[in-house]
């Protein structure tokens, strides 16, 4: 067996205490006042909470986004696949088509180059699947492996989908189950084997391209992808910042098997606790126990799209998703009351 197959990538963790600083509240404080919208011709600034930045170009909008992170699985190739799929997701969430990419690599010198080659091969496979041209990248030596991609895409001006625009009465549709972050924490703690979470890992490696195509065909009111801030965090950016809210049905939410039990036993990362602390004042648990809310705060890696769609277009969206073998679950609806109410 090669070192690429034997290495426990998830054992390379950031120093204790460092990750906990980068909470949503911390980042909001750091970024406050930077790059206001519509300065120097920019159509989107970082304060808008859009999934990707966009700029008027070539009769449409040029999209740009970047993401990279430490391993959440031990299989190097699978890690590369998930990281690339995750980076591409921001472009898909805005209805765009990714065009070019640049690799971002941080890697420990004590690990075999075969491991890094497998990571890059996994990322390249997903970029190829997406029809994206890899133009190069940048690497640094680091004690903790990190990999991701900077992506440039394009969307026609009339087809862009932002995370604003939802209306009261819109259905909320989620395209991937929740709980990958909790499973990844369980893997790091030796509570589950990677084989036990294969379906969740394979789903994380799945591109959101099909969901994007279905979204474009149906014409949603708004959309975002569910990633580091968890379902409720990204839902808050979509709705609360626009003066809206939602009713979310806990029983309707797709959650990976074993996740509720692991979360109730305290098996979750600091990021989940930070997400909960940041947003719990906006959440009303209407007959739902606090432990059952934990998966809704769980940071997701390469999570699904969260779509707000009118009742008239819901059937079209669900049909378009099904035609592409994509999962779509109605998990709630948009309200005109600025709170996120979770019911049984």
C-alpha atoms as a PDB file:
ATOM      1  CA  UNK A   1       0.000   0.000   0.000  1.00  0.00           C
ATOM      2  CA  UNK A   2       1.356   3.427  -0.932  1.00  0.00           C
ATOM      3  CA  UNK A   3       1.747   6.289   1.521  1.00  0.00           C
ATOM      4  CA  UNK A   4      -1.003   8.091  -0.399  1.00  0.00           C
ATOM      5  CA  UNK A   5      -3.404   5.361   0.724  1.00  0.00           C
ATOM      6  CA  UNK A   6      -2.024   5.022   4.286  1.00  0.00           C
ATOM      7  CA  UNK A   7      -1.760   8.646   5.409  1.00  0.00           C
ATOM      8  CA  UNK A   8      -4.352  10.041   7.830  1.00  0.00           C
ATOM      9  CA  UNK A   9      -4.810  13.473   6.331  1.00  0.00           C
ATOM     10  CA  UNK A  10      -7.456  14.388   8.886  1.00  0.00           C
ATOM     11  CA  UNK A  11      -4.854  14.117  11.661  1.00  0.00           C
ATOM     12  CA  UNK A  12      -3.120  17.226  10.323  1.00  0.00           C
ATOM     13  CA  UNK A  13      -5.115  19.851  12.211  1.00  0.00           C
ATOM     14  CA  UNK A  14      -4.592  23.566  12.787  1.00  0.00           C
ATOM     15  CA  UNK A  15      -3.137  24.552  16.134  1.00  0.00           C
ATOM     16  CA  UNK A  16      -5.685  24.510  18.952  1.00  0.00           C
ATOM     17  CA  UNK A  17      -7.543  27.787  19.332  1.00  0.00           C
ATOM     18  CA  UNK A  18      -6.672  29.277  15.943  1.00  0.00           C
ATOM     19  CA  UNK A  19      -9.758  28.174  14.015  1.00  0.00           C
ATOM     20  CA  UNK A  20     -12.167  29.341  16.706  1.00  0.00           C
ATOM     21  CA  UNK A  21     -11.329  32.997  16.023  1.00  0.00           C
ATOM     22  CA  UNK A  22     -12.650  32.902  12.476  1.00  0.00           C
ATOM     23  CA  UNK A  23     -16.291  32.971  13.434  1.00  0.00           C
ATOM     24  CA  UNK A  24     -18.939  34.741  11.352  1.00  0.00           C
ATOM     25  CA  UNK A  25     -18.989  37.601  13.877  1.00  0.00           C
ATOM     26  CA  UNK A  26     -15.195  37.905  13.820  1.00  0.00           C
ATOM     27  CA  UNK A  27     -15.075  38.085  10.033  1.00  0.00           C
ATOM     28  CA  UNK A  28     -17.913  40.615   9.887  1.00  0.00           C
ATOM     29  CA  UNK A  29     -15.924  42.849  12.221  1.00  0.00           C
ATOM     30  CA  UNK A  30     -12.741  42.496  10.172  1.00  0.00           C
ATOM     31  CA  UNK A  31     -14.404  43.084   6.795  1.00  0.00           C
ATOM     32  CA  UNK A  32     -16.718  45.928   7.813  1.00  0.00           C
ATOM     33  CA  UNK A  33     -16.348  48.867   5.452  1.00  0.00           C
ATOM     34  CA  UNK A  34     -14.224  47.141   2.831  1.00  0.00           C
ATOM     35  CA  UNK A  35     -15.005  47.420  -0.879  1.00  0.00           C
ATOM     36  CA  UNK A  36     -18.480  49.015  -0.881  1.00  0.00           C
ATOM     37  CA  UNK A  37     -20.667  48.073  -3.831  1.00  0.00           C
ATOM     38  CA  UNK A  38     -20.584  50.035  -7.070  1.00  0.00           C
ATOM     39  CA  UNK A  39     -17.169  51.595  -6.439  1.00  0.00           C
ATOM     40  CA  UNK A  40     -14.936  51.816  -9.516  1.00  0.00           C
ATOM     41  CA  UNK A  41     -17.531  50.069 -11.629  1.00  0.00           C
ATOM     42  CA  UNK A  42     -17.835  46.921  -9.508  1.00  0.00           C
ATOM     43  CA  UNK A  43     -21.313  45.471  -9.523  1.00  0.00           C
ATOM     44  CA  UNK A  44     -20.898  43.458  -6.319  1.00  0.00           C
ATOM     45  CA  UNK A  45     -18.979  44.149  -3.145  1.00  0.00           C
ATOM     46  CA  UNK A  46     -18.022  41.809  -0.324  1.00  0.00           C
ATOM     47  CA  UNK A  47     -20.708  43.228   1.955  1.00  0.00           C
ATOM     48  CA  UNK A  48     -23.493  41.893  -0.280  1.00  0.00           C
ATOM     49  CA  UNK A  49     -23.143  38.254   0.926  1.00  0.00           C
ATOM     50  CA  UNK A  50     -23.392  36.993  -2.651  1.00  0.00           C
ATOM     51  CA  UNK A  51     -21.744  33.630  -3.204  1.00  0.00           C
ATOM     52  CA  UNK A  52     -19.379  35.029  -5.838  1.00  0.00           C
ATOM     53  CA  UNK A  53     -18.236  38.488  -6.804  1.00  0.00           C
ATOM     54  CA  UNK A  54     -19.463  39.691 -10.168  1.00  0.00           C
ATOM     55  CA  UNK A  55     -18.372  42.325 -12.643  1.00  0.00           C
ATOM     56  CA  UNK A  56     -19.951  43.549 -15.878  1.00  0.00           C
ATOM     57  CA  UNK A  57     -18.005  41.992 -18.723  1.00  0.00           C
ATOM     58  CA  UNK A  58     -18.595  40.831 -22.290  1.00  0.00           C
ATOM     59  CA  UNK A  59     -22.333  41.390 -22.354  1.00  0.00           C
ATOM     60  CA  UNK A  60     -22.849  39.532 -19.094  1.00  0.00           C
ATOM     61  CA  UNK A  61     -21.257  39.168 -15.684  1.00  0.00           C
ATOM     62  CA  UNK A  62     -17.848  37.770 -14.850  1.00  0.00           C
ATOM     63  CA  UNK A  63     -18.012  35.693 -11.662  1.00  0.00           C
ATOM     64  CA  UNK A  64     -15.093  35.100  -9.303  1.00  0.00           C
ATOM     65  CA  UNK A  65     -14.778  33.021  -6.158  1.00  0.00           C
ATOM     66  CA  UNK A  66     -12.145  31.134  -4.165  1.00  0.00           C
ATOM     67  CA  UNK A  67     -12.192  28.457  -1.465  1.00  0.00           C
ATOM     68  CA  UNK A  68      -9.691  26.099   0.147  1.00  0.00           C
ATOM     69  CA  UNK A  69      -9.534  24.125   3.391  1.00  0.00           C
ATOM     70  CA  UNK A  70      -7.908  21.351   5.384  1.00  0.00           C
ATOM     71  CA  UNK A  71      -8.792  17.686   4.703  1.00  0.00           C
ATOM     72  CA  UNK A  72     -12.156  16.369   5.850  1.00  0.00           C
ATOM     73  CA  UNK A  73     -11.421  12.828   4.607  1.00  0.00           C
ATOM     74  CA  UNK A  74      -8.256  10.715   4.536  1.00  0.00           C
ATOM     75  CA  UNK A  75      -8.418   9.616   0.893  1.00  0.00           C
ATOM     76  CA  UNK A  76      -6.224  12.208  -0.908  1.00  0.00           C
ATOM     77  CA  UNK A  77      -7.950  11.914  -4.267  1.00  0.00           C
ATOM     78  CA  UNK A  78     -11.398  12.209  -2.704  1.00  0.00           C
ATOM     79  CA  UNK A  79     -10.228  15.239  -0.728  1.00  0.00           C
ATOM     80  CA  UNK A  80      -9.166  16.876  -3.990  1.00  0.00           C
ATOM     81  CA  UNK A  81     -12.505  16.083  -5.611  1.00  0.00           C
ATOM     82  CA  UNK A  82     -14.489  17.566  -2.731  1.00  0.00           C
ATOM     83  CA  UNK A  83     -12.347  20.693  -2.528  1.00  0.00           C
ATOM     84  CA  UNK A  84     -12.725  21.418  -6.238  1.00  0.00           C
ATOM     85  CA  UNK A  85     -16.464  20.689  -6.252  1.00  0.00           C
ATOM     86  CA  UNK A  86     -16.848  22.997  -3.263  1.00  0.00           C
ATOM     87  CA  UNK A  87     -15.013  25.867  -4.978  1.00  0.00           C
ATOM     88  CA  UNK A  88     -17.089  25.496  -8.137  1.00  0.00           C
ATOM     89  CA  UNK A  89     -20.300  25.587  -6.111  1.00  0.00           C
ATOM     90  CA  UNK A  90     -20.249  29.360  -5.605  1.00  0.00           C
ATOM     91  CA  UNK A  91     -20.372  29.878  -9.365  1.00  0.00           C
ATOM     92  CA  UNK A  92     -23.214  27.378  -9.767  1.00  0.00           C
ATOM     93  CA  UNK A  93     -25.146  29.012  -6.913  1.00  0.00           C
ATOM     94  CA  UNK A  94     -25.360  32.207  -8.960  1.00  0.00           C
ATOM     95  CA  UNK A  95     -26.562  30.438 -12.091  1.00  0.00           C
ATOM     96  CA  UNK A  96     -23.174  30.667 -13.770  1.00  0.00           C
ATOM     97  CA  UNK A  97     -20.844  28.429 -15.734  1.00  0.00           C
ATOM     98  CA  UNK A  98     -17.280  28.046 -14.402  1.00  0.00           C
ATOM     99  CA  UNK A  99     -14.623  28.661 -17.051  1.00  0.00           C
ATOM    100  CA  UNK A 100     -11.102  28.734 -15.592  1.00  0.00           C
ATOM    101  CA  UNK A 101      -9.403  27.801 -12.329  1.00  0.00           C
ATOM    102  CA  UNK A 102      -6.167  28.218 -10.381  1.00  0.00           C
ATOM    103  CA  UNK A 103      -5.026  25.672  -7.789  1.00  0.00           C
ATOM    104  CA  UNK A 104      -4.168  26.776  -4.235  1.00  0.00           C
ATOM    105  CA  UNK A 105      -1.921  24.386  -2.285  1.00  0.00           C
ATOM    106  CA  UNK A 106      -0.330  24.349   1.167  1.00  0.00           C
ATOM    107  CA  UNK A 107       1.531  21.153   1.987  1.00  0.00           C
ATOM    108  CA  UNK A 108       3.873  19.679   4.628  1.00  0.00           C
ATOM    109  CA  UNK A 109       7.306  18.652   3.344  1.00  0.00           C
ATOM    110  CA  UNK A 110       7.248  15.454   5.435  1.00  0.00           C
ATOM    111  CA  UNK A 111       4.412  13.990   3.366  1.00  0.00           C
ATOM    112  CA  UNK A 112       5.184  12.129   0.168  1.00  0.00           C
ATOM    113  CA  UNK A 113       4.699  14.038  -3.087  1.00  0.00           C
ATOM    114  CA  UNK A 114       2.529  11.079  -4.123  1.00  0.00           C
ATOM    115  CA  UNK A 115      -0.081  12.284  -1.633  1.00  0.00           C
ATOM    116  CA  UNK A 116      -0.151  15.775  -3.127  1.00  0.00           C
ATOM    117  CA  UNK A 117      -0.258  14.340  -6.626  1.00  0.00           C
ATOM    118  CA  UNK A 118      -3.379  12.363  -5.667  1.00  0.00           C
ATOM    119  CA  UNK A 119      -5.022  15.470  -4.200  1.00  0.00           C
ATOM    120  CA  UNK A 120      -4.334  17.433  -7.372  1.00  0.00           C
ATOM    121  CA  UNK A 121      -5.522  14.557  -9.540  1.00  0.00           C
ATOM    122  CA  UNK A 122      -8.832  14.505  -7.695  1.00  0.00           C
ATOM    123  CA  UNK A 123      -9.253  18.236  -8.140  1.00  0.00           C
ATOM    124  CA  UNK A 124      -8.312  18.039 -11.820  1.00  0.00           C
ATOM    125  CA  UNK A 125     -10.878  15.284 -12.399  1.00  0.00           C
ATOM    126  CA  UNK A 126     -13.676  17.501 -11.077  1.00  0.00           C
ATOM    127  CA  UNK A 127     -12.504  20.518 -13.050  1.00  0.00           C
ATOM    128  CA  UNK A 128     -12.444  18.379 -16.185  1.00  0.00           C
ATOM    129  CA  UNK A 129     -15.942  17.094 -15.402  1.00  0.00           C
ATOM    130  CA  UNK A 130     -17.122  20.695 -15.101  1.00  0.00           C
ATOM    131  CA  UNK A 131     -15.478  21.688 -18.388  1.00  0.00           C
ATOM    132  CA  UNK A 132     -13.127  24.082 -16.592  1.00  0.00           C
ATOM    133  CA  UNK A 133      -9.657  24.943 -17.906  1.00  0.00           C
ATOM    134  CA  UNK A 134      -6.971  24.724 -15.208  1.00  0.00           C
ATOM    135  CA  UNK A 135      -4.525  27.573 -15.875  1.00  0.00           C
ATOM    136  CA  UNK A 136      -1.994  26.990 -13.086  1.00  0.00           C
ATOM    137  CA  UNK A 137      -1.824  27.776  -9.400  1.00  0.00           C
ATOM    138  CA  UNK A 138       0.355  28.523  -6.401  1.00  0.00           C
ATOM    139  CA  UNK A 139       1.843  26.412  -3.605  1.00  0.00           C
ATOM    140  CA  UNK A 140       3.479  27.056  -0.231  1.00  0.00           C
ATOM    141  CA  UNK A 141       4.998  24.798   2.403  1.00  0.00           C
ATOM    142  CA  UNK A 142       2.847  24.511   5.510  1.00  0.00           C
ATOM    143  CA  UNK A 143       2.461  22.225   8.510  1.00  0.00           C
ATOM    144  CA  UNK A 144      -1.178  21.542   7.608  1.00  0.00           C
ATOM    145  CA  UNK A 145      -2.321  20.336   4.159  1.00  0.00           C
ATOM    146  CA  UNK A 146      -4.743  22.673   2.438  1.00  0.00           C
ATOM    147  CA  UNK A 147      -6.157  22.579  -1.056  1.00  0.00           C
ATOM    148  CA  UNK A 148      -8.691  24.554  -3.011  1.00  0.00           C
ATOM    149  CA  UNK A 149      -9.356  26.447  -6.197  1.00  0.00           C
ATOM    150  CA  UNK A 150      -9.873  30.019  -7.369  1.00  0.00           C
ATOM    151  CA  UNK A 151     -12.572  29.982 -10.044  1.00  0.00           C
ATOM    152  CA  UNK A 152     -13.675  32.396 -12.742  1.00  0.00           C
ATOM    153  CA  UNK A 153     -17.065  31.934 -14.386  1.00  0.00           C
ATOM    154  CA  UNK A 154     -19.640  33.738 -16.465  1.00  0.00           C
ATOM    155  CA  UNK A 155     -23.392  34.258 -16.374  1.00  0.00           C
ATOM    156  CA  UNK A 156     -25.708  36.147 -18.695  1.00  0.00           C
ATOM    157  CA  UNK A 157     -26.984  39.304 -17.002  1.00  0.00           C
ATOM    158  CA  UNK A 158     -30.623  38.184 -17.225  1.00  0.00           C
ATOM    159  CA  UNK A 159     -29.823  34.728 -15.768  1.00  0.00           C
ATOM    160  CA  UNK A 160     -27.930  35.692 -12.627  1.00  0.00           C
ATOM    161  CA  UNK A 161     -29.405  34.330  -9.404  1.00  0.00           C
ATOM    162  CA  UNK A 162     -28.507  36.194  -6.220  1.00  0.00           C
ATOM    163  CA  UNK A 163     -29.101  35.306  -2.602  1.00  0.00           C
ATOM    164  CA  UNK A 164     -31.541  38.224  -2.426  1.00  0.00           C
ATOM    165  CA  UNK A 165     -34.930  38.296  -4.096  1.00  0.00           C
ATOM    166  CA  UNK A 166     -36.955  35.732  -2.152  1.00  0.00           C
ATOM    167  CA  UNK A 167     -40.599  36.630  -1.452  1.00  0.00           C
ATOM    168  CA  UNK A 168     -43.040  35.603   1.275  1.00  0.00           C
ATOM    169  CA  UNK A 169     -44.720  32.352   0.299  1.00  0.00           C
ATOM    170  CA  UNK A 170     -41.741  31.036  -1.694  1.00  0.00           C
ATOM    171  CA  UNK A 171     -40.911  27.381  -1.066  1.00  0.00           C
ATOM    172  CA  UNK A 172     -37.404  26.597   0.217  1.00  0.00           C
ATOM    173  CA  UNK A 173     -35.765  23.649  -1.527  1.00  0.00           C
ATOM    174  CA  UNK A 174     -32.514  21.962  -0.430  1.00  0.00           C
ATOM    175  CA  UNK A 175     -30.560  19.732  -2.820  1.00  0.00           C
ATOM    176  CA  UNK A 176     -28.120  17.862  -0.527  1.00  0.00           C
ATOM    177  CA  UNK A 177     -28.481  16.398   2.990  1.00  0.00           C
ATOM    178  CA  UNK A 178     -26.904  18.028   6.046  1.00  0.00           C
ATOM    179  CA  UNK A 179     -24.342  16.731   8.499  1.00  0.00           C
ATOM    180  CA  UNK A 180     -21.082  16.235   6.612  1.00  0.00           C
ATOM    181  CA  UNK A 181     -19.204  18.432   9.077  1.00  0.00           C
ATOM    182  CA  UNK A 182     -20.365  16.303  11.992  1.00  0.00           C
ATOM    183  CA  UNK A 183     -19.363  13.113  10.155  1.00  0.00           C
ATOM    184  CA  UNK A 184     -15.938  14.585   9.359  1.00  0.00           C
ATOM    185  CA  UNK A 185     -15.447  15.388  13.048  1.00  0.00           C
ATOM    186  CA  UNK A 186     -16.434  11.828  13.936  1.00  0.00           C
ATOM    187  CA  UNK A 187     -13.862  10.548  11.417  1.00  0.00           C
ATOM    188  CA  UNK A 188     -11.117  12.659  12.986  1.00  0.00           C
ATOM    189  CA  UNK A 189     -12.056  11.299  16.431  1.00  0.00           C
ATOM    190  CA  UNK A 190     -12.052   7.713  15.214  1.00  0.00           C
ATOM    191  CA  UNK A 191     -15.784   7.255  15.858  1.00  0.00           C
ATOM    192  CA  UNK A 192     -16.592   6.316  12.254  1.00  0.00           C
ATOM    193  CA  UNK A 193     -14.599   4.888   9.366  1.00  0.00           C
ATOM    194  CA  UNK A 194     -14.439   6.621   6.017  1.00  0.00           C
ATOM    195  CA  UNK A 195     -16.296   3.671   4.495  1.00  0.00           C
ATOM    196  CA  UNK A 196     -19.198   4.370   6.884  1.00  0.00           C
ATOM    197  CA  UNK A 197     -19.701   7.831   5.391  1.00  0.00           C
ATOM    198  CA  UNK A 198     -19.089   6.977   1.733  1.00  0.00           C
ATOM    199  CA  UNK A 199     -22.499   8.145   0.519  1.00  0.00           C
ATOM    200  CA  UNK A 200     -22.060  11.506   2.213  1.00  0.00           C
ATOM    201  CA  UNK A 201     -18.511  11.838   0.872  1.00  0.00           C
ATOM    202  CA  UNK A 202     -19.583  10.912  -2.659  1.00  0.00           C
ATOM    203  CA  UNK A 203     -22.385  13.468  -2.481  1.00  0.00           C
ATOM    204  CA  UNK A 204     -19.937  16.154  -1.355  1.00  0.00           C
ATOM    205  CA  UNK A 205     -17.778  15.315  -4.384  1.00  0.00           C
ATOM    206  CA  UNK A 206     -20.795  15.673  -6.670  1.00  0.00           C
ATOM    207  CA  UNK A 207     -20.889  18.902  -8.644  1.00  0.00           C
ATOM    208  CA  UNK A 208     -23.808  21.274  -8.155  1.00  0.00           C
ATOM    209  CA  UNK A 209     -23.900  21.661 -11.946  1.00  0.00           C
ATOM    210  CA  UNK A 210     -27.118  19.653 -12.375  1.00  0.00           C
ATOM    211  CA  UNK A 211     -28.836  21.621  -9.627  1.00  0.00           C
ATOM    212  CA  UNK A 212     -27.673  24.846 -11.295  1.00  0.00           C
ATOM    213  CA  UNK A 213     -29.087  23.750 -14.654  1.00  0.00           C
ATOM    214  CA  UNK A 214     -32.422  22.887 -13.028  1.00  0.00           C
ATOM    215  CA  UNK A 215     -32.438  26.231 -11.248  1.00  0.00           C
ATOM    216  CA  UNK A 216     -31.823  28.122 -14.468  1.00  0.00           C
ATOM    217  CA  UNK A 217     -34.660  26.247 -16.170  1.00  0.00           C
ATOM    218  CA  UNK A 218     -37.104  26.943 -13.346  1.00  0.00           C
ATOM    219  CA  UNK A 219     -36.224  30.563 -12.541  1.00  0.00           C
ATOM    220  CA  UNK A 220     -35.975  30.783  -8.724  1.00  0.00           C
ATOM    221  CA  UNK A 221     -36.409  33.947  -6.708  1.00  0.00           C
ATOM    222  CA  UNK A 222     -33.087  33.514  -4.914  1.00  0.00           C
ATOM    223  CA  UNK A 223     -30.416  30.907  -4.200  1.00  0.00           C
ATOM    224  CA  UNK A 224     -27.267  30.214  -2.226  1.00  0.00           C
ATOM    225  CA  UNK A 225     -25.095  27.214  -1.501  1.00  0.00           C
ATOM    226  CA  UNK A 226     -24.982  25.774   2.015  1.00  0.00           C
ATOM    227  CA  UNK A 227     -21.384  25.731   3.197  1.00  0.00           C
ATOM    228  CA  UNK A 228     -19.392  26.989   6.183  1.00  0.00           C
ATOM    229  CA  UNK A 229     -22.122  28.953   7.966  1.00  0.00           C
ATOM    230  CA  UNK A 230     -24.521  26.003   7.998  1.00  0.00           C
ATOM    231  CA  UNK A 231     -28.095  25.912   6.751  1.00  0.00           C
ATOM    232  CA  UNK A 232     -29.423  28.504   9.194  1.00  0.00           C
ATOM    233  CA  UNK A 233     -26.476  30.846   8.670  1.00  0.00           C
ATOM    234  CA  UNK A 234     -26.830  30.915   4.908  1.00  0.00           C
ATOM    235  CA  UNK A 235     -30.604  31.080   5.172  1.00  0.00           C
ATOM    236  CA  UNK A 236     -30.194  34.109   7.428  1.00  0.00           C
ATOM    237  CA  UNK A 237     -28.029  35.865   4.835  1.00  0.00           C
ATOM    238  CA  UNK A 238     -30.620  35.088   2.191  1.00  0.00           C
ATOM    239  CA  UNK A 239     -33.677  36.158   4.179  1.00  0.00           C
ATOM    240  CA  UNK A 240     -33.073  38.060   7.414  1.00  0.00           C
ATOM    241  CA  UNK A 241     -30.801  40.627   5.786  1.00  0.00           C
ATOM    242  CA  UNK A 242     -33.701  41.362   3.405  1.00  0.00           C
ATOM    243  CA  UNK A 243     -36.227  41.737   6.247  1.00  0.00           C
ATOM    244  CA  UNK A 244     -37.737  38.289   5.659  1.00  0.00           C
ATOM    245  CA  UNK A 245     -37.803  35.011   7.551  1.00  0.00           C
ATOM    246  CA  UNK A 246     -38.731  31.368   7.190  1.00  0.00           C
ATOM    247  CA  UNK A 247     -40.543  28.448   8.716  1.00  0.00           C
ATOM    248  CA  UNK A 248     -38.368  25.335   8.478  1.00  0.00           C
ATOM    249  CA  UNK A 249     -39.787  21.863   9.119  1.00  0.00           C
ATOM    250  CA  UNK A 250     -37.191  19.828  11.003  1.00  0.00           C
ATOM    251  CA  UNK A 251     -38.733  16.491  10.000  1.00  0.00           C
ATOM    252  CA  UNK A 252     -38.504  17.426   6.322  1.00  0.00           C
ATOM    253  CA  UNK A 253     -34.770  18.208   6.426  1.00  0.00           C
ATOM    254  CA  UNK A 254     -32.562  15.537   4.855  1.00  0.00           C
ATOM    255  CA  UNK A 255     -29.798  14.628   7.334  1.00  0.00           C
ATOM    256  CA  UNK A 256     -27.169  11.899   6.935  1.00  0.00           C
ATOM    257  CA  UNK A 257     -27.721   8.721   8.944  1.00  0.00           C
ATOM    258  CA  UNK A 258     -26.125   8.799  12.383  1.00  0.00           C
ATOM    259  CA  UNK A 259     -25.606  12.560  12.416  1.00  0.00           C
ATOM    260  CA  UNK A 260     -28.285  13.476  15.007  1.00  0.00           C
ATOM    261  CA  UNK A 261     -26.922  10.908  17.469  1.00  0.00           C
ATOM    262  CA  UNK A 262     -23.320  12.043  16.983  1.00  0.00           C
ATOM    263  CA  UNK A 263     -24.275  15.695  17.421  1.00  0.00           C
ATOM    264  CA  UNK A 264     -26.300  14.971  20.564  1.00  0.00           C
ATOM    265  CA  UNK A 265     -23.226  13.234  22.003  1.00  0.00           C
ATOM    266  CA  UNK A 266     -21.169  16.392  21.454  1.00  0.00           C
ATOM    267  CA  UNK A 267     -19.367  15.231  18.330  1.00  0.00           C
ATOM    268  CA  UNK A 268     -19.093  18.426  16.321  1.00  0.00           C
ATOM    269  CA  UNK A 269     -16.438  20.981  15.473  1.00  0.00           C
ATOM    270  CA  UNK A 270     -15.919  24.460  16.901  1.00  0.00           C
ATOM    271  CA  UNK A 271     -17.369  25.913  13.705  1.00  0.00           C
ATOM    272  CA  UNK A 272     -20.806  24.522  14.529  1.00  0.00           C
ATOM    273  CA  UNK A 273     -20.727  26.117  17.972  1.00  0.00           C
ATOM    274  CA  UNK A 274     -19.633  29.422  16.427  1.00  0.00           C
ATOM    275  CA  UNK A 275     -22.450  29.293  13.879  1.00  0.00           C
ATOM    276  CA  UNK A 276     -24.978  28.615  16.622  1.00  0.00           C
ATOM    277  CA  UNK A 277     -23.665  31.433  18.811  1.00  0.00           C
ATOM    278  CA  UNK A 278     -23.823  33.850  15.886  1.00  0.00           C
ATOM    279  CA  UNK A 279     -27.376  33.038  14.791  1.00  0.00           C
ATOM    280  CA  UNK A 280     -29.274  31.504  17.715  1.00  0.00           C
ATOM    281  CA  UNK A 281     -30.888  34.857  18.579  1.00  0.00           C
ATOM    282  CA  UNK A 282     -32.559  34.772  15.155  1.00  0.00           C
ATOM    283  CA  UNK A 283     -33.833  31.202  15.552  1.00  0.00           C
ATOM    284  CA  UNK A 284     -37.099  30.227  17.205  1.00  0.00           C
ATOM    285  CA  UNK A 285     -37.266  26.567  18.175  1.00  0.00           C
ATOM    286  CA  UNK A 286     -40.996  25.915  18.065  1.00  0.00           C
ATOM    287  CA  UNK A 287     -41.269  22.518  19.756  1.00  0.00           C
ATOM    288  CA  UNK A 288     -37.847  21.320  18.565  1.00  0.00           C
ATOM    289  CA  UNK A 289     -35.226  20.258  21.127  1.00  0.00           C
ATOM    290  CA  UNK A 290     -31.883  22.032  21.014  1.00  0.00           C
ATOM    291  CA  UNK A 291     -29.960  18.870  20.060  1.00  0.00           C
ATOM    292  CA  UNK A 292     -32.182  18.455  17.010  1.00  0.00           C
ATOM    293  CA  UNK A 293     -31.144  21.916  15.824  1.00  0.00           C
ATOM    294  CA  UNK A 294     -27.438  21.072  15.763  1.00  0.00           C
ATOM    295  CA  UNK A 295     -27.332  19.691  12.172  1.00  0.00           C
ATOM    296  CA  UNK A 296     -28.884  22.969  10.985  1.00  0.00           C
ATOM    297  CA  UNK A 297     -25.832  24.862  12.263  1.00  0.00           C
ATOM    298  CA  UNK A 298     -23.315  22.313  10.964  1.00  0.00           C
ATOM    299  CA  UNK A 299     -20.676  23.771   8.592  1.00  0.00           C
ATOM    300  CA  UNK A 300     -21.010  21.985   5.268  1.00  0.00           C
ATOM    301  CA  UNK A 301     -18.296  21.359   2.715  1.00  0.00           C
ATOM    302  CA  UNK A 302     -19.581  21.243  -0.859  1.00  0.00           C
ATOM    303  CA  UNK A 303     -23.152  21.294   0.419  1.00  0.00           C
ATOM    304  CA  UNK A 304     -26.230  21.617  -1.724  1.00  0.00           C
ATOM    305  CA  UNK A 305     -28.065  24.621  -3.100  1.00  0.00           C
ATOM    306  CA  UNK A 306     -30.799  26.303  -1.082  1.00  0.00           C
ATOM    307  CA  UNK A 307     -33.407  27.670  -3.492  1.00  0.00           C
ATOM    308  CA  UNK A 308     -36.351  29.986  -2.924  1.00  0.00           C
ATOM    309  CA  UNK A 309     -38.990  29.433  -5.599  1.00  0.00           C
ATOM    310  CA  UNK A 310     -42.587  30.524  -6.122  1.00  0.00           C
ATOM    311  CA  UNK A 311     -45.370  27.980  -5.878  1.00  0.00           C
ATOM    312  CA  UNK A 312     -46.028  28.344  -9.592  1.00  0.00           C
ATOM    313  CA  UNK A 313     -42.458  27.345 -10.432  1.00  0.00           C
ATOM    314  CA  UNK A 314     -41.928  24.717  -7.741  1.00  0.00           C
ATOM    315  CA  UNK A 315     -43.223  21.860  -9.880  1.00  0.00           C
ATOM    316  CA  UNK A 316     -40.919  22.856 -12.730  1.00  0.00           C
ATOM    317  CA  UNK A 317     -37.918  22.997 -10.404  1.00  0.00           C
ATOM    318  CA  UNK A 318     -38.624  19.578  -8.916  1.00  0.00           C
ATOM    319  CA  UNK A 319     -39.104  18.062 -12.372  1.00  0.00           C
ATOM    320  CA  UNK A 320     -35.905  19.618 -13.668  1.00  0.00           C
ATOM    321  CA  UNK A 321     -33.974  18.326 -10.648  1.00  0.00           C
ATOM    322  CA  UNK A 322     -35.385  14.837 -11.078  1.00  0.00           C
ATOM    323  CA  UNK A 323     -34.525  14.842 -14.781  1.00  0.00           C
ATOM    324  CA  UNK A 324     -30.882  15.389 -13.822  1.00  0.00           C
ATOM    325  CA  UNK A 325     -30.929  12.802 -11.003  1.00  0.00           C
ATOM    326  CA  UNK A 326     -30.612  15.602  -8.459  1.00  0.00           C
ATOM    327  CA  UNK A 327     -32.249  15.483  -5.071  1.00  0.00           C
ATOM    328  CA  UNK A 328     -34.676  18.232  -4.123  1.00  0.00           C
ATOM    329  CA  UNK A 329     -36.484  18.485  -0.790  1.00  0.00           C
ATOM    330  CA  UNK A 330     -38.978  21.171   0.201  1.00  0.00           C
ATOM    331  CA  UNK A 331     -37.855  22.050   3.729  1.00  0.00           C
ATOM    332  CA  UNK A 332     -39.964  25.133   4.462  1.00  0.00           C
ATOM    333  CA  UNK A 333     -41.231  28.427   3.162  1.00  0.00           C
ATOM    334  CA  UNK A 334     -40.354  32.123   3.245  1.00  0.00           C
ATOM    335  CA  UNK A 335     -42.324  34.400   5.579  1.00  0.00           C
ATOM    336  CA  UNK A 336     -42.566  38.131   6.084  1.00  0.00           C
ATOM    337  CA  UNK A 337     -41.509  37.856   9.745  1.00  0.00           C
ATOM    338  CA  UNK A 338     -37.768  38.351  10.345  1.00  0.00           C
ATOM    339  CA  UNK A 339     -37.051  35.137  12.222  1.00  0.00           C
ATOM    340  CA  UNK A 340     -36.079  31.574  11.388  1.00  0.00           C
ATOM    341  CA  UNK A 341     -38.757  29.407  13.022  1.00  0.00           C
ATOM    342  CA  UNK A 342     -37.982  25.685  13.172  1.00  0.00           C
ATOM    343  CA  UNK A 343     -40.996  23.439  13.728  1.00  0.00           C
ATOM    344  CA  UNK A 344     -41.094  19.644  14.284  1.00  0.00           C
END
